[in-house]
Amino acid sequence: MRRLDPTTLDYFDHAPVRIFAEATIPASPAAVFDALADAPGWTAWFPLLHRAAWIRGDGGIGAERAVALRLLGRFDERMIAWDPGQRLAFTMVAATSPFVRQMAEDYRLTAVGDATRIDWIMAATPTALGRVSRPALERIGVRMFAAAGRRLSAVLHAHGAAA
């Protein structure tokens, strides 16, 4: 794996590429955050993700996890925001992907009645190959997040966490 340049939270405001999406999940912010905090659990609902495990700590700022996505590669991620029921964000610190030099994701949770809106930002500094592939990668990212929202809703409903 190749080392990536870690980011901080202000990166979401100025990254060269920023992809935005949102989903509303019929569950409480606490239930949604618990699902986000369960690293191995992501494989049940996040498209293309077939492996996720804590490799340093088990949550909280500074904890790291390793994930593998079919077709997109393997990534090591470090948590940079961990506010239960409100926000989870991570920066990639290593990857096999040839598309990025820096990358981070931010999940912000807002209660909306009996549901939770997730506002998602994927921020990246692409490599030359990433710049050429940007339109396709943006479409893939938005579609993956939309599918993740639907699948997370179904998983939480099946576990009785949905409103």
Protein backbone atom coordinates (compact mmCIF):
# COMPACT_ATOMS: atom_id res chain seq x y z
CA MET A 1 0.00 0.00 0.00
CA ARG A 2 1.08 3.51 -0.72
CA ARG A 3 1.07 6.16 2.02
CA LEU A 4 -1.35 9.05 1.52
CA ASP A 5 -1.14 12.55 2.97
CA PRO A 6 -3.53 12.60 5.98
CA THR A 7 -5.99 15.48 6.21
CA THR A 8 -7.65 17.48 8.96
CA LEU A 9 -11.29 18.55 9.25
CA ASP A 10 -10.71 21.84 7.41
CA TYR A 11 -9.85 19.81 4.29
CA PHE A 12 -13.59 19.31 3.69
CA ASP A 13 -13.87 23.07 3.06
CA HIS A 14 -11.12 23.38 0.44
CA ALA A 15 -10.32 20.00 -1.15
CA PRO A 16 -9.95 20.14 -4.96
CA VAL A 17 -12.71 17.52 -5.37
CA ARG A 18 -15.74 17.41 -3.11
CA ILE A 19 -18.67 15.10 -3.68
CA PHE A 20 -21.84 15.67 -1.68
CA ALA A 21 -24.77 13.36 -1.02
CA GLU A 22 -27.44 12.89 1.60
CA ALA A 23 -29.75 10.16 2.78
CA THR A 24 -32.54 10.02 5.33
CA ILE A 25 -32.58 6.93 7.51
CA PRO A 26 -35.70 6.05 9.54
CA ALA A 27 -33.73 5.61 12.78
CA SER A 28 -32.36 7.79 15.56
CA PRO A 29 -29.01 9.56 15.21
CA ALA A 30 -27.67 7.29 17.99
CA ALA A 31 -28.65 4.14 16.05
CA VAL A 32 -27.17 5.49 12.81
CA PHE A 33 -23.94 6.48 14.56
CA ASP A 34 -23.70 3.04 16.16
CA ALA A 35 -23.91 1.51 12.66
CA LEU A 36 -21.19 3.88 11.42
CA ALA A 37 -19.02 3.04 14.43
CA ASP A 38 -19.29 -0.72 13.76
CA ALA A 39 -16.40 -1.20 11.32
CA PRO A 40 -17.14 -4.83 10.30
CA GLY A 41 -20.85 -3.99 10.05
CA TRP A 42 -20.25 -1.72 7.05
CA THR A 43 -19.89 -4.82 4.86
CA ALA A 44 -23.62 -5.48 5.31
CA TRP A 45 -24.70 -2.15 3.85
CA PHE A 46 -21.95 -0.20 2.05
CA PRO A 47 -21.74 -1.18 -1.66
CA LEU A 48 -18.55 -2.85 -2.87
CA LEU A 49 -17.13 -2.96 0.68
CA HIS A 50 -16.22 -6.54 1.44
CA ARG A 51 -13.83 -6.14 4.37
CA ALA A 52 -13.60 -3.65 7.23
CA ALA A 53 -11.84 -4.06 10.56
CA TRP A 54 -10.32 -1.94 13.29
CA ILE A 55 -6.52 -2.13 13.14
CA ARG A 56 -5.77 0.40 15.90
CA GLY A 57 -8.29 1.04 18.64
CA ASP A 58 -11.97 0.36 18.17
CA GLY A 59 -13.33 3.82 17.52
CA GLY A 60 -12.67 7.38 18.59
CA ILE A 61 -10.37 10.03 17.21
CA GLY A 62 -7.09 8.48 16.12
CA ALA A 63 -8.47 4.94 15.77
CA GLU A 64 -7.69 3.29 12.44
CA ARG A 65 -9.49 0.76 10.32
CA ALA A 66 -8.64 -1.13 7.15
CA VAL A 67 -11.25 -1.45 4.42
CA ALA A 68 -11.33 -3.16 1.04
CA LEU A 69 -13.70 -2.24 -1.77
CA ARG A 70 -14.15 -4.37 -4.86
CA LEU A 71 -12.75 -2.59 -7.93
CA LEU A 72 -11.60 0.46 -5.92
CA GLY A 73 -8.85 -0.95 -3.72
CA ARG A 74 -7.80 -1.15 -0.10
CA PHE A 75 -7.60 1.82 2.26
CA ASP A 76 -6.35 2.43 5.79
CA GLU A 77 -8.43 5.15 7.47
CA ARG A 78 -7.82 7.26 10.59
CA MET A 79 -10.73 8.79 12.48
CA ILE A 80 -10.53 12.60 12.68
CA ALA A 81 -14.03 13.29 14.09
CA TRP A 82 -15.97 11.07 16.48
CA ASP A 83 -19.02 12.74 17.98
CA PRO A 84 -21.58 10.03 18.90
CA GLY A 85 -24.97 10.76 17.36
CA GLN A 86 -23.57 13.72 15.41
CA ARG A 87 -20.51 13.17 13.25
CA LEU A 88 -17.92 10.68 12.12
CA ALA A 89 -15.09 11.60 9.75
CA PHE A 90 -11.93 9.89 8.62
CA THR A 91 -8.88 10.52 6.48
CA MET A 92 -7.21 7.90 4.38
CA VAL A 93 -3.58 7.30 5.42
CA ALA A 94 -2.72 4.52 2.95
CA ALA A 95 -4.27 3.06 -0.20
CA THR A 96 -3.79 0.79 -3.16
CA SER A 97 -6.00 3.09 -5.26
CA PRO A 98 -4.19 4.94 -8.05
CA PHE A 99 -6.82 7.71 -8.11
CA VAL A 100 -6.00 9.87 -5.04
CA ARG A 101 -3.13 11.51 -3.17
CA GLN A 102 -5.41 12.61 -0.32
CA MET A 103 -8.92 11.56 0.59
CA ALA A 104 -11.35 11.91 3.46
CA GLU A 105 -15.01 11.28 4.21
CA ASP A 106 -17.35 13.14 6.56
CA TYR A 107 -20.70 11.82 7.84
CA ARG A 108 -22.83 14.42 9.66
CA LEU A 109 -26.04 13.31 11.35
CA THR A 110 -29.09 15.50 11.94
CA ALA A 111 -32.33 14.43 13.61
CA VAL A 112 -35.32 15.04 11.33
CA GLY A 113 -38.44 14.02 13.24
CA ASP A 114 -38.08 10.29 13.93
CA ALA A 115 -35.38 9.91 11.28
CA THR A 116 -31.77 10.94 10.71
CA ARG A 117 -30.40 12.83 7.74
CA ILE A 118 -26.84 11.90 6.84
CA ASP A 119 -24.91 14.59 4.99
CA TRP A 120 -21.90 12.98 3.35
CA ILE A 121 -18.84 14.63 1.85
CA MET A 122 -16.07 12.77 0.11
CA ALA A 123 -13.10 15.09 -0.37
CA ALA A 124 -10.06 14.24 -2.46
CA THR A 125 -6.91 15.45 -4.09
CA PRO A 126 -6.71 13.32 -7.22
CA THR A 127 -3.67 11.95 -8.98
CA ALA A 128 -3.36 12.55 -12.74
CA LEU A 129 -5.34 9.33 -13.32
CA GLY A 130 -7.92 10.51 -10.79
CA ARG A 131 -8.36 13.82 -12.63
CA VAL A 132 -9.00 12.01 -15.92
CA SER A 133 -11.40 9.57 -14.22
CA ARG A 134 -13.17 12.24 -12.15
CA PRO A 135 -16.59 12.28 -13.89
CA ALA A 136 -16.99 8.52 -13.61
CA LEU A 137 -15.67 8.43 -10.04
CA GLU A 138 -18.09 11.18 -8.98
CA ARG A 139 -21.06 9.27 -10.44
CA ILE A 140 -19.89 6.07 -8.73
CA GLY A 141 -19.48 7.88 -5.39
CA VAL A 142 -22.97 9.42 -5.43
CA ARG A 143 -24.59 6.15 -6.53
CA MET A 144 -22.69 4.18 -3.88
CA PHE A 145 -23.80 6.55 -1.16
CA ALA A 146 -27.45 6.46 -2.31
CA ALA A 147 -27.36 2.66 -2.27
CA ALA A 148 -25.62 2.70 1.12
CA GLY A 149 -28.45 4.82 2.56
CA ARG A 150 -31.09 2.40 1.29
CA ARG A 151 -29.18 -0.63 2.52
CA LEU A 152 -28.41 0.93 5.92
CA SER A 153 -32.12 1.68 6.35
CA ALA A 154 -32.93 -1.96 5.61
CA VAL A 155 -30.26 -3.27 8.00
CA LEU A 156 -31.38 -1.01 10.84
CA HIS A 157 -35.01 -1.94 10.20
CA ALA A 158 -34.14 -5.66 10.32
CA HIS A 159 -32.40 -5.11 13.66
CA GLY A 160 -35.33 -3.14 15.10
CA ALA A 161 -33.42 0.17 15.20
CA ALA A 162 -35.57 1.91 12.60
CA ALA A 163 -38.28 4.32 13.67
